[in-house]
């Protein structure tokens, strides 16, 4: 059962899915193992993820393990209609299409929940929120959930702190093989892939402001510098701000940074990072993009309030003409630029190979263990297993400790 935009797109979607499978060796290894062992036989798994070829491959991996899989999107602009049609053609229950309105977005989440899933895989925690607020009759049926992104983990931690969370959640985002690679290298590359492809502009020689220096911000700053930009970082955390300065970037307040910016990228997971009078200090031609999960970091209504005209000048680029005649450009409606922009393809397949391997193994961990209610990190065993499989797929061998070295580390009485 599926609801998609156009099933005639299925052949192209299948081709794209097959392409990413060739570049996701860890997930393919797990898929082969699950096909043999059938750990999810009789289990239903519901997911709310960006619907594109790589997430579809995760769904196919879970289906290979015996699960009934129902999928929907976690962002109205990130769905790839050809991949969704391909997923339906390959046997997944999939609900979603690009450019859903808010009503349709939550309608498709509820379509997935109608399958009465045992396990949830979420990205941003919207499905988990709907479960707790609107579909409470299903809560007792849920064995646990996996959360993919920083924003979702923060929401769920706050929920648990308030005593509102009703089942265990594994914070897949907090796994080393997720955030060290997906958040840093994935976000850094895919965001600039989308920005450059959408604008057809060069980054070299521009002043790029990165708002937030978490792992995603680190990746963006690294890629911007590598492309020849003058990088400014803004932060509220003094330790991260100091780290950014020691990494070679200029650090200052947002108010000072926007005066110099050619391109501003928000990546904090928080609201109103660029808002109010910030827009009044921007240069003519300044471009704005967001790489955080929700479209709340750049306050669009505040920008509209100082503008006399708003028009689309290129696909996924809106031009705001301010009352004093400046032009400010907003990319992808302020949504997650690497997936929502016209040229956004999301993170590279080789990166998502690790993140989705952690998801697949964490779902199995939920099924096989009686976890406490709350938000917990994926077990270190999963992290090391995924890293080892990835190294093996890359043909890389590493050293092992000798028994003497292990004994030395275990003996607190040993000195120099």
Protein backbone atom coordinates (compact mmCIF):
# COMPACT_ATOMS: atom_id res chain seq x y z
CA UNK A 1 0.00 0.00 0.00
CA UNK A 2 1.45 3.37 -1.02
CA UNK A 3 0.45 6.92 -1.90
CA UNK A 4 2.90 8.60 -4.27
CA UNK A 5 2.83 11.37 -6.84
CA UNK A 6 3.58 9.48 -10.07
CA UNK A 7 4.30 5.75 -10.40
CA UNK A 8 5.58 6.28 -13.96
CA UNK A 9 8.74 7.65 -12.31
CA UNK A 10 9.47 4.25 -10.75
CA UNK A 11 12.07 3.03 -13.32
CA UNK A 12 14.22 6.15 -12.79
CA UNK A 13 13.77 5.83 -9.03
CA UNK A 14 14.88 2.20 -9.07
CA UNK A 15 17.98 3.14 -11.07
CA UNK A 16 18.90 5.76 -8.47
CA UNK A 17 18.32 3.30 -5.63
CA UNK A 18 20.52 0.72 -7.35
CA UNK A 19 23.25 3.35 -7.79
CA UNK A 20 23.43 4.19 -4.09
CA UNK A 21 23.37 0.50 -3.18
CA UNK A 22 26.66 0.11 -5.05
CA UNK A 23 28.16 2.74 -2.73
CA UNK A 24 26.71 1.57 0.58
CA UNK A 25 28.70 -1.63 1.23
CA UNK A 26 28.14 -1.74 5.00
CA UNK A 27 24.37 -1.53 4.68
CA UNK A 28 24.45 -4.12 1.90
CA UNK A 29 26.45 -6.44 4.17
CA UNK A 30 23.85 -6.02 6.91
CA UNK A 31 21.06 -6.55 4.37
CA UNK A 32 22.57 -9.88 3.32
CA UNK A 33 22.89 -10.93 6.96
CA UNK A 34 19.31 -9.90 7.75
CA UNK A 35 17.99 -11.71 4.70
CA UNK A 36 19.41 -14.91 6.16
CA UNK A 37 18.59 -14.40 9.85
CA UNK A 38 15.21 -12.59 9.52
CA UNK A 39 15.46 -10.67 12.82
CA UNK A 40 12.34 -8.58 12.10
CA UNK A 41 9.99 -11.35 11.04
CA UNK A 42 6.49 -10.41 12.21
CA UNK A 43 7.60 -6.87 13.13
CA UNK A 44 6.35 -3.62 11.61
CA UNK A 45 8.73 -0.67 11.35
CA UNK A 46 7.51 2.84 10.62
CA UNK A 47 9.86 5.59 9.53
CA UNK A 48 9.74 9.36 9.05
CA UNK A 49 12.91 10.16 7.08
CA UNK A 50 13.93 12.22 4.06
CA UNK A 51 12.47 10.15 1.23
CA UNK A 52 15.35 9.76 -1.22
CA UNK A 53 17.35 6.81 -2.58
CA UNK A 54 19.60 6.28 0.46
CA UNK A 55 16.77 6.16 3.00
CA UNK A 56 14.86 3.86 0.67
CA UNK A 57 17.84 1.51 0.82
CA UNK A 58 17.55 1.49 4.62
CA UNK A 59 13.89 0.56 4.24
CA UNK A 60 14.82 -2.26 1.86
CA UNK A 61 17.39 -3.52 4.37
CA UNK A 62 14.76 -3.71 7.11
CA UNK A 63 12.33 -5.37 4.71
CA UNK A 64 14.99 -7.93 3.82
CA UNK A 65 15.12 -8.74 7.53
CA UNK A 66 11.46 -9.71 7.51
CA UNK A 67 9.86 -6.42 8.57
CA UNK A 68 6.77 -4.84 7.16
CA UNK A 69 8.09 -1.34 6.44
CA UNK A 70 6.02 1.83 6.11
CA UNK A 71 7.81 5.08 5.27
CA UNK A 72 7.01 8.76 4.97
CA UNK A 73 9.02 11.97 4.65
CA UNK A 74 10.27 14.26 7.41
CA UNK A 75 10.48 17.40 5.27
CA UNK A 76 7.89 18.53 2.68
CA UNK A 77 10.58 19.69 0.24
CA UNK A 78 13.13 16.88 0.54
CA UNK A 79 11.13 14.04 -1.02
CA UNK A 80 12.36 12.66 -4.35
CA UNK A 81 9.24 11.61 -6.24
CA UNK A 82 11.12 9.17 -8.46
CA UNK A 83 12.73 7.43 -5.48
CA UNK A 84 9.35 7.17 -3.73
CA UNK A 85 7.80 5.58 -6.82
CA UNK A 86 10.77 3.23 -7.03
CA UNK A 87 10.33 2.28 -3.38
CA UNK A 88 6.68 1.42 -3.95
CA UNK A 89 7.66 -0.64 -6.99
CA UNK A 90 10.17 -2.56 -4.85
CA UNK A 91 7.55 -3.47 -2.25
CA UNK A 92 7.80 -0.83 0.45
CA UNK A 93 4.73 0.90 1.86
CA UNK A 94 5.57 4.52 1.17
CA UNK A 95 3.54 7.70 1.56
CA UNK A 96 4.79 11.06 0.38
CA UNK A 97 5.50 13.48 -2.42
CA UNK A 98 7.49 16.66 -2.85
CA UNK A 99 5.89 19.97 -1.82
CA UNK A 100 3.32 18.60 0.60
CA UNK A 101 1.42 21.19 2.59
CA UNK A 102 1.26 20.90 6.39
CA UNK A 103 -2.02 19.00 6.36
CA UNK A 104 -0.71 16.45 3.85
CA UNK A 105 2.56 16.13 5.77
CA UNK A 106 0.82 15.04 8.97
CA UNK A 107 -1.70 12.99 7.02
CA UNK A 108 1.09 10.80 5.63
CA UNK A 109 2.67 10.44 9.08
CA UNK A 110 -0.65 9.10 10.29
CA UNK A 111 -0.84 6.76 7.29
CA UNK A 112 2.39 5.17 8.49
CA UNK A 113 1.08 4.98 12.06
CA UNK A 114 -2.03 3.22 10.74
CA UNK A 115 0.25 0.24 10.13
CA UNK A 116 0.65 0.02 13.95
CA UNK A 117 4.46 -0.09 13.96
CA UNK A 118 6.45 -1.85 16.66
CA UNK A 119 9.56 0.26 16.07
CA UNK A 120 9.87 3.88 14.89
CA UNK A 121 12.78 5.38 12.94
CA UNK A 122 12.47 9.15 13.05
CA UNK A 123 14.37 12.20 11.80
CA UNK A 124 13.42 15.30 13.75
CA UNK A 125 10.98 13.46 16.07
CA UNK A 126 7.79 14.57 14.33
CA UNK A 127 6.39 11.03 14.16
CA UNK A 128 7.18 10.47 17.83
CA UNK A 129 5.41 13.76 18.68
CA UNK A 130 2.31 12.72 16.72
CA UNK A 131 2.31 9.40 18.57
CA UNK A 132 2.38 11.11 21.96
CA UNK A 133 -0.09 13.88 21.12
CA UNK A 134 -2.59 12.34 18.69
CA UNK A 135 -2.14 8.57 18.51
CA UNK A 136 -1.78 7.68 22.18
CA UNK A 137 -3.66 4.42 21.63
CA UNK A 138 -0.54 3.11 19.86
CA UNK A 139 2.00 4.00 22.57
CA UNK A 140 1.78 0.70 24.42
CA UNK A 141 2.52 -1.13 21.16
CA UNK A 142 5.83 0.67 20.55
CA UNK A 143 8.94 -1.28 21.58
CA UNK A 144 11.23 1.68 20.95
CA UNK A 145 12.50 4.20 18.44
CA UNK A 146 15.67 5.46 16.76
CA UNK A 147 16.26 9.19 16.23
CA UNK A 148 18.51 10.29 13.39
CA UNK A 149 19.31 13.95 13.93
CA UNK A 150 20.58 16.43 16.53
CA UNK A 151 17.36 18.45 16.56
CA UNK A 152 15.26 15.38 17.18
CA UNK A 153 17.51 14.17 19.99
CA UNK A 154 17.26 17.57 21.70
CA UNK A 155 13.45 17.50 21.44
CA UNK A 156 13.28 14.00 22.88
CA UNK A 157 15.69 14.76 25.72
CA UNK A 158 13.52 17.74 26.69
CA UNK A 159 10.46 15.52 26.42
CA UNK A 160 12.03 12.89 28.69
CA UNK A 161 13.13 15.57 31.19
CA UNK A 162 9.45 16.60 31.45
CA UNK A 163 8.40 12.99 32.02
CA UNK A 164 6.44 12.92 28.76
CA UNK A 165 8.37 10.29 26.77
CA UNK A 166 6.67 6.89 26.98
CA UNK A 167 9.16 4.51 25.33
CA UNK A 168 12.92 4.05 24.85
CA UNK A 169 14.71 5.94 22.10
CA UNK A 170 18.20 5.28 20.78
CA UNK A 171 19.94 8.52 19.84
CA UNK A 172 21.51 7.30 16.61
CA UNK A 173 22.76 10.85 16.05
CA UNK A 174 25.07 10.47 19.06
CA UNK A 175 26.88 7.43 17.66
CA UNK A 176 30.47 8.22 16.69
CA UNK A 177 30.03 6.67 13.25
CA UNK A 178 27.08 8.99 12.73
CA UNK A 179 27.99 12.46 13.93
CA UNK A 180 31.73 12.42 13.24
CA UNK A 181 31.06 11.61 9.58
CA UNK A 182 27.44 12.36 8.67
CA UNK A 183 27.19 15.65 10.57
CA UNK A 184 30.67 16.87 9.68
CA UNK A 185 31.64 15.55 6.25
CA UNK A 186 28.12 14.85 5.01
CA UNK A 187 26.62 18.22 5.92
CA UNK A 188 29.70 20.10 4.79
CA UNK A 189 29.79 18.58 1.32
CA UNK A 190 26.08 18.23 0.60
CA UNK A 191 25.20 21.77 1.70
CA UNK A 192 27.77 23.33 -0.60
CA UNK A 193 26.83 20.92 -3.40
CA UNK A 194 23.26 22.25 -3.13
CA UNK A 195 24.20 25.91 -2.68
CA UNK A 196 26.61 25.97 -5.62
CA UNK A 197 24.33 23.93 -7.86
CA UNK A 198 21.32 26.10 -7.06
CA UNK A 199 23.02 29.50 -7.34
CA UNK A 200 25.71 28.72 -9.94
CA UNK A 201 27.95 30.98 -7.85
CA UNK A 202 31.59 30.59 -6.85
CA UNK A 203 32.48 30.31 -3.16
CA UNK A 204 36.14 31.30 -3.50
CA UNK A 205 36.75 34.88 -2.44
CA UNK A 206 33.40 35.25 -0.66
CA UNK A 207 32.84 35.87 3.03
CA UNK A 208 30.85 32.93 4.38
CA UNK A 209 29.27 33.16 7.85
CA UNK A 210 28.55 29.85 9.58
CA UNK A 211 26.12 30.24 12.47
CA UNK A 212 26.83 27.42 14.91
CA UNK A 213 29.99 25.36 15.44
CA UNK A 214 28.67 21.95 16.36
CA UNK A 215 29.73 19.02 14.21
CA UNK A 216 27.62 20.24 11.28
CA UNK A 217 29.03 23.76 11.62
CA UNK A 218 32.56 22.39 11.78
CA UNK A 219 31.94 20.57 8.51
CA UNK A 220 30.51 23.64 6.81
CA UNK A 221 33.39 25.86 7.93
CA UNK A 222 35.92 23.26 6.78
CA UNK A 223 34.38 22.97 3.32
CA UNK A 224 33.92 26.74 2.95
CA UNK A 225 37.59 27.31 3.76
CA UNK A 226 38.60 24.55 1.37
CA UNK A 227 36.62 26.25 -1.39
CA UNK A 228 38.53 29.48 -0.82
CA UNK A 229 36.09 31.43 1.35
CA UNK A 230 36.89 33.82 4.16
CA UNK A 231 35.03 32.09 7.01
CA UNK A 232 33.39 33.74 10.00
CA UNK A 233 31.83 31.64 12.78
CA UNK A 234 29.18 32.81 15.24
CA UNK A 235 28.51 30.92 18.47
CA UNK A 236 26.90 31.19 21.91
CA UNK A 237 29.11 28.52 23.49
CA UNK A 238 32.46 30.01 24.58
CA UNK A 239 34.31 26.68 24.23
CA UNK A 240 33.11 26.12 20.68
CA UNK A 241 33.81 29.75 19.83
CA UNK A 242 37.36 29.37 21.10
CA UNK A 243 37.76 26.14 19.15
CA UNK A 244 36.59 27.87 15.97
CA UNK A 245 39.15 30.63 16.48
CA UNK A 246 41.92 28.10 17.12
CA UNK A 247 40.82 26.31 13.94
CA UNK A 248 41.67 29.49 12.06
CA UNK A 249 38.30 31.16 11.58
CA UNK A 250 37.22 34.64 12.56
CA UNK A 251 34.69 34.66 15.41
CA UNK A 252 32.26 37.47 16.18
CA UNK A 253 28.62 38.24 17.00
CA UNK A 254 25.92 37.70 14.40
CA UNK A 255 25.22 41.42 14.25
CA UNK A 256 28.82 42.14 13.23
CA UNK A 257 29.09 39.09 10.97
CA UNK A 258 26.03 39.88 8.83
CA UNK A 259 27.54 43.23 7.85
CA UNK A 260 30.37 41.42 6.07
CA UNK A 261 28.58 38.32 4.77
CA UNK A 262 28.15 37.30 1.15
CA UNK A 263 26.61 34.00 2.26
CA UNK A 264 25.14 33.09 5.65
CA UNK A 265 24.44 29.47 6.60
CA UNK A 266 22.58 28.69 9.82
CA UNK A 267 23.16 25.29 11.40
CA UNK A 268 22.19 25.48 15.08
CA UNK A 269 18.92 23.58 15.50
CA UNK A 270 17.49 26.66 17.22
CA UNK A 271 15.00 29.36 16.24
CA UNK A 272 15.50 33.01 15.20
CA UNK A 273 19.23 32.82 14.53
CA UNK A 274 18.82 35.46 11.81
CA UNK A 275 15.91 37.73 12.64
CA UNK A 276 14.73 41.27 13.29
CA UNK A 277 17.29 43.99 12.67
CA UNK A 278 19.88 41.46 11.44
CA UNK A 279 18.41 41.85 7.94
CA UNK A 280 18.87 45.63 8.01
CA UNK A 281 22.65 45.29 8.28
CA UNK A 282 23.12 42.86 5.37
CA UNK A 283 24.89 43.83 2.17
CA UNK A 284 23.07 44.06 -1.12
CA UNK A 285 23.17 40.59 -2.67
CA UNK A 286 23.62 38.63 0.57
CA UNK A 287 22.47 35.01 0.28
CA UNK A 288 20.84 33.07 3.15
CA UNK A 289 20.72 29.29 3.55
CA UNK A 290 19.83 26.92 6.37
CA UNK A 291 21.37 23.53 7.10
CA UNK A 292 19.49 22.96 10.35
CA UNK A 293 16.59 20.52 10.45
CA UNK A 294 13.61 22.90 10.67
CA UNK A 295 12.90 26.14 8.79
CA UNK A 296 12.92 28.26 11.96
CA UNK A 297 16.52 29.48 11.99
CA UNK A 298 16.02 32.26 9.42
CA UNK A 299 12.95 34.31 10.36
CA UNK A 300 11.18 34.72 7.05
CA UNK A 301 8.32 36.91 8.37
CA UNK A 302 10.87 39.42 9.69
CA UNK A 303 12.53 39.53 6.27
CA UNK A 304 9.18 39.95 4.54
CA UNK A 305 8.33 42.81 6.90
CA UNK A 306 11.20 44.97 5.58
CA UNK A 307 10.63 44.01 1.94
CA UNK A 308 8.54 45.63 -0.77
CA UNK A 309 8.71 42.73 -3.23
CA UNK A 310 9.37 38.99 -3.09
CA UNK A 311 9.84 36.93 -6.23
CA UNK A 312 11.45 33.68 -7.35
CA UNK A 313 14.41 34.54 -9.54
CA UNK A 314 15.70 31.01 -10.01
CA UNK A 315 14.39 27.66 -8.84
CA UNK A 316 14.77 27.50 -5.04
CA UNK A 317 15.97 31.13 -4.84
CA UNK A 318 13.68 33.94 -3.66
CA UNK A 319 14.72 37.58 -4.03
CA UNK A 320 13.56 39.98 -1.30
CA UNK A 321 13.77 43.65 -2.28
CA UNK A 322 14.03 45.69 0.90
CA UNK A 323 12.52 49.14 1.41
CA UNK A 324 15.96 50.71 0.95
CA UNK A 325 16.48 48.89 -2.34
CA UNK A 326 18.81 46.06 -1.30
CA UNK A 327 18.37 42.53 -2.65
CA UNK A 328 18.58 39.62 -0.18
CA UNK A 329 18.31 36.05 -1.43
CA UNK A 330 16.75 33.16 0.52
CA UNK A 331 17.53 29.63 -0.64
CA UNK A 332 15.03 26.75 -0.44
CA UNK A 333 12.51 28.70 1.66
CA UNK A 334 14.94 28.53 4.59
CA UNK A 335 14.51 24.77 4.79
CA UNK A 336 17.29 22.20 4.95
CA UNK A 337 19.22 23.37 1.90
CA UNK A 338 21.12 20.18 1.12
CA UNK A 339 17.86 18.30 0.58
CA UNK A 340 15.22 20.96 -0.09
CA UNK A 341 16.99 23.03 -2.76
CA UNK A 342 16.36 22.10 -6.38
CA UNK A 343 19.84 20.61 -6.71
CA UNK A 344 19.89 19.10 -3.21
CA UNK A 345 20.72 15.39 -3.19
CA UNK A 346 21.49 15.03 0.51
CA UNK A 347 24.61 13.52 1.99
CA UNK A 348 26.85 11.27 -0.13
CA UNK A 349 25.89 7.61 -0.18
CA UNK A 350 29.23 6.54 1.32
CA UNK A 351 28.52 8.71 4.37
CA UNK A 352 24.91 7.61 4.86
CA UNK A 353 26.12 4.02 4.58
CA UNK A 354 27.42 4.35 8.14
CA UNK A 355 24.48 6.32 9.58
CA UNK A 356 21.91 3.90 8.23
CA UNK A 357 23.98 0.90 9.27
CA UNK A 358 23.73 2.26 12.83
CA UNK A 359 19.97 2.66 12.32
CA UNK A 360 19.55 -0.91 11.09
CA UNK A 361 21.62 -2.38 13.93
CA UNK A 362 19.95 -0.14 16.54
CA UNK A 363 16.49 -1.29 15.45
CA UNK A 364 17.62 -4.88 16.02
CA UNK A 365 19.06 -3.89 19.42
CA UNK A 366 15.68 -2.46 20.45
CA UNK A 367 13.97 -5.68 19.47
CA UNK A 368 16.41 -7.90 21.36
CA UNK A 369 16.71 -5.88 24.58
CA UNK A 370 14.37 -4.53 27.23
CA UNK A 371 15.52 -0.93 27.21
CA UNK A 372 14.48 1.65 29.81
CA UNK A 373 12.28 4.59 28.86
CA UNK A 374 14.50 7.52 27.94
CA UNK A 375 17.05 8.61 25.35
CA UNK A 376 20.22 6.54 25.19
CA UNK A 377 23.24 6.40 22.92
CA UNK A 378 23.68 3.47 20.56
CA UNK A 379 25.91 0.80 22.15
CA UNK A 380 29.64 1.20 21.50
CA UNK A 381 29.64 -2.32 20.05
CA UNK A 382 27.45 -1.09 17.19
CA UNK A 383 29.78 1.86 16.57
CA UNK A 384 32.90 -0.27 16.43
CA UNK A 385 31.16 -2.90 14.31
CA UNK A 386 30.10 -0.29 11.74
CA UNK A 387 33.55 1.34 11.69
CA UNK A 388 35.25 -2.03 11.21
CA UNK A 389 32.93 -3.01 8.37
CA UNK A 390 33.51 0.35 6.69
CA UNK A 391 37.28 0.02 6.92
CA UNK A 392 37.06 -3.50 5.54
CA UNK A 393 34.95 -2.28 2.62
CA UNK A 394 37.59 0.38 1.93
CA UNK A 395 40.37 -2.23 1.97
CA UNK A 396 42.03 -0.71 5.02
CA UNK A 397 43.72 -2.76 7.74
CA UNK A 398 44.65 -1.38 11.14
CA UNK A 399 46.81 -2.63 14.00
CA UNK A 400 45.63 -4.43 17.14
CA UNK A 401 46.98 -4.20 20.66
CA UNK A 402 49.28 -7.01 21.73
CA UNK A 403 48.46 -8.90 24.92
CA UNK A 404 51.39 -7.17 26.60
CA UNK A 405 49.96 -3.78 25.67
CA UNK A 406 46.53 -4.76 26.99
CA UNK A 407 48.08 -5.94 30.25
CA UNK A 408 50.01 -2.67 30.57
CA UNK A 409 46.86 -0.60 30.15
CA UNK A 410 44.96 -2.75 32.65
CA UNK A 411 47.66 -2.60 35.37
CA UNK A 412 47.40 0.63 37.30
CA UNK A 413 50.64 -0.12 39.15
CA UNK A 414 52.72 -0.04 35.96
CA UNK A 415 54.81 3.10 35.54
CA UNK A 416 57.14 4.29 32.87
